[in-house]
Amino acid sequence: MTDEIPLLSGLRSPDEIAKQISEATGVPVTGRTVWERAIRLGIAKKMGRTPLIHVDDIPALLVYEIPKRPTMRKGEALRLLRKARRERAKP
């Protein structure tokens, strides 16, 4: 579809890219995953309702991202709040 218009010749849909990655690596990747990652990296483009990614930006999708860890562990904020309240309540 995008090969007919020269302006769009370098653009691919996330599903096409996911299929390429899955075939090349053997790791199952969905179009949704590719699209969300492209949005996070700032390389996503959209024409109307059609999501597109340029071929030159595909290597950026393949770079490993270090997952962000939450600043506080689950329940730690509540524990700190209770501790501060106990400190304030002391005479």
N, C-alpha and C. Protein backbone atom coordinates (compact mmCIF):
# COMPACT_ATOMS: atom_id res chain seq x y z
N MET A 1 0.82 -1.19 0.00
CA MET A 1 0.00 0.00 0.00
C MET A 1 0.86 1.26 0.00
N THR A 2 1.87 1.34 0.87
CA THR A 2 2.69 2.55 0.97
C THR A 2 3.73 2.63 -0.13
N ASP A 3 3.98 1.54 -0.88
CA ASP A 3 4.99 1.54 -1.93
C ASP A 3 4.55 2.34 -3.16
N GLU A 4 3.27 2.62 -3.32
CA GLU A 4 2.77 3.30 -4.50
C GLU A 4 3.04 4.80 -4.47
N ILE A 5 3.13 5.37 -3.29
CA ILE A 5 3.34 6.82 -3.15
C ILE A 5 4.78 7.06 -2.74
N PRO A 6 5.57 7.79 -3.55
CA PRO A 6 7.00 8.00 -3.23
C PRO A 6 7.23 8.63 -1.86
N LEU A 7 6.35 9.51 -1.44
CA LEU A 7 6.50 10.19 -0.16
C LEU A 7 6.44 9.19 1.00
N LEU A 8 5.67 8.12 0.83
CA LEU A 8 5.48 7.15 1.89
C LEU A 8 6.32 5.88 1.71
N SER A 9 7.24 5.89 0.77
CA SER A 9 7.97 4.66 0.44
C SER A 9 8.81 4.14 1.60
N GLY A 10 9.27 4.99 2.48
CA GLY A 10 10.10 4.53 3.60
C GLY A 10 9.32 4.23 4.85
N LEU A 11 8.02 4.34 4.81
CA LEU A 11 7.20 4.13 6.00
C LEU A 11 6.59 2.74 6.00
N ARG A 12 6.54 2.13 7.18
CA ARG A 12 5.95 0.81 7.35
C ARG A 12 4.99 0.83 8.54
N SER A 13 4.03 -0.06 8.51
CA SER A 13 3.09 -0.16 9.64
C SER A 13 3.76 -0.96 10.75
N PRO A 14 3.33 -0.77 11.98
CA PRO A 14 3.91 -1.53 13.10
C PRO A 14 3.74 -3.04 12.91
N ASP A 15 2.64 -3.47 12.30
CA ASP A 15 2.43 -4.90 12.07
C ASP A 15 3.47 -5.47 11.09
N GLU A 16 3.80 -4.71 10.04
CA GLU A 16 4.81 -5.15 9.09
C GLU A 16 6.18 -5.27 9.76
N ILE A 17 6.50 -4.28 10.60
CA ILE A 17 7.78 -4.29 11.31
C ILE A 17 7.83 -5.44 12.30
N ALA A 18 6.73 -5.66 13.02
CA ALA A 18 6.67 -6.76 13.99
C ALA A 18 6.86 -8.10 13.29
N LYS A 19 6.25 -8.25 12.13
CA LYS A 19 6.39 -9.49 11.37
C LYS A 19 7.85 -9.70 10.95
N GLN A 20 8.50 -8.63 10.49
CA GLN A 20 9.91 -8.69 10.09
C GLN A 20 10.79 -9.11 11.27
N ILE A 21 10.57 -8.47 12.41
CA ILE A 21 11.38 -8.76 13.60
C ILE A 21 11.15 -10.20 14.05
N SER A 22 9.90 -10.64 14.05
CA SER A 22 9.58 -12.00 14.48
C SER A 22 10.22 -13.04 13.57
N GLU A 23 10.18 -12.79 12.27
CA GLU A 23 10.78 -13.74 11.33
C GLU A 23 12.30 -13.77 11.44
N ALA A 24 12.89 -12.60 11.66
CA ALA A 24 14.36 -12.52 11.71
C ALA A 24 14.93 -13.09 13.01
N THR A 25 14.24 -12.88 14.12
CA THR A 25 14.79 -13.27 15.41
C THR A 25 14.16 -14.52 15.99
N GLY A 26 12.94 -14.82 15.59
CA GLY A 26 12.23 -15.95 16.18
C GLY A 26 11.51 -15.59 17.46
N VAL A 27 11.62 -14.33 17.86
CA VAL A 27 10.95 -13.85 19.07
C VAL A 27 9.60 -13.25 18.66
N PRO A 28 8.51 -13.72 19.25
CA PRO A 28 7.21 -13.17 18.86
C PRO A 28 7.04 -11.72 19.33
N VAL A 29 6.78 -10.83 18.39
CA VAL A 29 6.59 -9.40 18.67
C VAL A 29 5.28 -8.99 18.01
N THR A 30 4.49 -8.20 18.72
CA THR A 30 3.22 -7.74 18.17
C THR A 30 3.36 -6.32 17.63
N GLY A 31 2.45 -5.96 16.75
CA GLY A 31 2.42 -4.61 16.21
C GLY A 31 2.17 -3.58 17.30
N ARG A 32 1.38 -3.96 18.29
CA ARG A 32 1.08 -3.06 19.41
C ARG A 32 2.35 -2.74 20.20
N THR A 33 3.16 -3.75 20.42
CA THR A 33 4.42 -3.55 21.15
C THR A 33 5.33 -2.61 20.38
N VAL A 34 5.43 -2.82 19.08
CA VAL A 34 6.27 -1.96 18.24
C VAL A 34 5.75 -0.53 18.28
N TRP A 35 4.44 -0.35 18.18
CA TRP A 35 3.84 0.99 18.18
C TRP A 35 4.07 1.71 19.51
N GLU A 36 3.85 1.01 20.63
CA GLU A 36 4.05 1.63 21.94
C GLU A 36 5.50 2.03 22.16
N ARG A 37 6.40 1.20 21.72
CA ARG A 37 7.83 1.52 21.86
C ARG A 37 8.21 2.70 20.97
N ALA A 38 7.64 2.75 19.75
CA ALA A 38 7.92 3.88 18.85
C ALA A 38 7.42 5.19 19.44
N ILE A 39 6.27 5.14 20.08
CA ILE A 39 5.74 6.34 20.74
C ILE A 39 6.68 6.77 21.85
N ARG A 40 7.12 5.81 22.67
CA ARG A 40 8.02 6.11 23.78
C ARG A 40 9.33 6.70 23.30
N LEU A 41 9.83 6.24 22.14
CA LEU A 41 11.10 6.75 21.60
C LEU A 41 10.94 8.03 20.79
N GLY A 42 9.70 8.39 20.46
CA GLY A 42 9.45 9.60 19.70
C GLY A 42 9.64 9.43 18.20
N ILE A 43 9.57 8.21 17.69
CA ILE A 43 9.75 7.98 16.26
C ILE A 43 8.45 7.59 15.56
N ALA A 44 7.36 7.64 16.27
CA ALA A 44 6.06 7.25 15.71
C ALA A 44 5.48 8.39 14.88
N LYS A 45 4.88 8.00 13.78
CA LYS A 45 4.20 8.97 12.91
C LYS A 45 2.79 8.45 12.69
N LYS A 46 1.88 9.36 12.40
CA LYS A 46 0.51 8.95 12.18
C LYS A 46 -0.08 9.76 11.05
N MET A 47 -0.68 9.08 10.10
CA MET A 47 -1.38 9.75 9.00
C MET A 47 -2.84 9.34 9.09
N GLY A 48 -3.66 10.27 9.53
CA GLY A 48 -5.05 9.92 9.79
C GLY A 48 -5.09 8.98 10.98
N ARG A 49 -5.65 7.80 10.78
CA ARG A 49 -5.70 6.81 11.85
C ARG A 49 -4.64 5.73 11.66
N THR A 50 -3.81 5.86 10.63
CA THR A 50 -2.83 4.84 10.31
C THR A 50 -1.49 5.13 11.00
N PRO A 51 -1.04 4.24 11.88
CA PRO A 51 0.27 4.42 12.50
C PRO A 51 1.38 4.00 11.53
N LEU A 52 2.44 4.78 11.46
CA LEU A 52 3.55 4.48 10.55
C LEU A 52 4.88 4.74 11.25
N ILE A 53 5.89 3.98 10.85
CA ILE A 53 7.24 4.14 11.37
C ILE A 53 8.19 4.09 10.19
N HIS A 54 9.16 4.99 10.15
CA HIS A 54 10.10 5.03 9.03
C HIS A 54 11.10 3.89 9.15
N VAL A 55 11.52 3.37 8.02
CA VAL A 55 12.45 2.24 7.96
C VAL A 55 13.78 2.58 8.65
N ASP A 56 14.24 3.82 8.52
CA ASP A 56 15.50 4.22 9.14
C ASP A 56 15.44 4.21 10.66
N ASP A 57 14.23 4.24 11.23
CA ASP A 57 14.07 4.26 12.68
C ASP A 57 13.96 2.87 13.29
N ILE A 58 13.90 1.84 12.48
CA ILE A 58 13.75 0.48 12.99
C ILE A 58 14.90 0.07 13.91
N PRO A 59 16.17 0.39 13.60
CA PRO A 59 17.25 0.01 14.53
C PRO A 59 17.06 0.57 15.94
N ALA A 60 16.45 1.74 16.06
CA ALA A 60 16.20 2.31 17.38
C ALA A 60 15.22 1.45 18.18
N LEU A 61 14.31 0.79 17.48
CA LEU A 61 13.35 -0.09 18.16
C LEU A 61 14.03 -1.33 18.72
N LEU A 62 15.14 -1.73 18.13
CA LEU A 62 15.80 -2.97 18.52
C LEU A 62 16.80 -2.80 19.65
N VAL A 63 17.08 -1.56 20.05
CA VAL A 63 18.01 -1.31 21.14
C VAL A 63 17.34 -1.67 22.46
N TYR A 64 18.06 -2.40 23.31
CA TYR A 64 17.53 -2.83 24.59
C TYR A 64 17.31 -1.63 25.51
N GLU A 65 16.16 -1.59 26.14
CA GLU A 65 15.85 -0.55 27.12
C GLU A 65 15.96 -1.14 28.52
N ILE A 66 16.60 -0.42 29.40
CA ILE A 66 16.66 -0.85 30.79
C ILE A 66 15.33 -0.47 31.43
N PRO A 67 14.61 -1.43 31.99
CA PRO A 67 13.32 -1.12 32.59
C PRO A 67 13.48 -0.16 33.77
N LYS A 68 12.57 0.80 33.86
CA LYS A 68 12.61 1.75 34.96
C LYS A 68 12.03 1.09 36.21
N ARG A 69 12.71 1.27 37.30
CA ARG A 69 12.24 0.72 38.57
C ARG A 69 11.51 1.81 39.34
N PRO A 70 10.48 1.43 40.04
CA PRO A 70 9.78 2.44 40.84
C PRO A 70 10.70 2.99 41.92
N THR A 71 10.50 4.24 42.29
CA THR A 71 11.36 4.87 43.28
C THR A 71 11.13 4.29 44.67
N MET A 72 9.91 3.89 44.96
CA MET A 72 9.59 3.29 46.25
C MET A 72 8.99 1.91 46.03
N ARG A 73 9.31 1.03 46.92
CA ARG A 73 8.72 -0.30 46.85
C ARG A 73 7.25 -0.24 47.26
N LYS A 74 6.54 -1.25 46.88
CA LYS A 74 5.12 -1.31 47.21
C LYS A 74 4.94 -1.30 48.73
N GLY A 75 4.13 -0.38 49.22
CA GLY A 75 3.85 -0.28 50.64
C GLY A 75 4.81 0.60 51.40
N GLU A 76 5.92 0.99 50.77
CA GLU A 76 6.91 1.79 51.49
C GLU A 76 6.39 3.20 51.78
N ALA A 77 5.65 3.77 50.86
CA ALA A 77 5.10 5.12 51.08
C ALA A 77 4.15 5.12 52.26
N LEU A 78 3.31 4.10 52.35
CA LEU A 78 2.37 4.02 53.47
C LEU A 78 3.11 3.84 54.79
N ARG A 79 4.16 3.04 54.79
CA ARG A 79 4.95 2.84 56.00
C ARG A 79 5.59 4.15 56.44
N LEU A 80 6.13 4.92 55.51
CA LEU A 80 6.74 6.21 55.85
C LEU A 80 5.72 7.21 56.36
N LEU A 81 4.52 7.20 55.79
CA LEU A 81 3.46 8.08 56.24
C LEU A 81 3.05 7.74 57.67
N ARG A 82 2.89 6.47 57.95
CA ARG A 82 2.51 6.05 59.32
C ARG A 82 3.60 6.42 60.32
N LYS A 83 4.85 6.24 59.92
CA LYS A 83 5.97 6.58 60.80
C LYS A 83 5.98 8.08 61.10
N ALA A 84 5.74 8.92 60.09
CA ALA A 84 5.71 10.36 60.30
C ALA A 84 4.56 10.76 61.21
N ARG A 85 3.41 10.11 61.07
CA ARG A 85 2.27 10.40 61.94
C ARG A 85 2.55 10.02 63.39
N ARG A 86 3.22 8.88 63.59
CA ARG A 86 3.58 8.46 64.94
C ARG A 86 4.55 9.47 65.56
N GLU A 87 5.51 9.94 64.79
CA GLU A 87 6.47 10.93 65.28
C GLU A 87 5.78 12.22 65.69
N ARG A 88 4.81 12.65 64.87
CA ARG A 88 4.07 13.86 65.19
C ARG A 88 3.19 13.69 66.43
N ALA A 89 2.69 12.49 66.66
CA ALA A 89 1.77 12.25 67.77
C ALA A 89 2.50 12.14 69.10
N LYS A 90 3.80 11.91 69.08
CA LYS A 90 4.56 11.79 70.32
C LYS A 90 4.59 13.14 71.04
N PRO A 91 4.42 13.08 72.39
CA PRO A 91 4.45 14.35 73.17
C PRO A 91 5.85 14.89 73.36
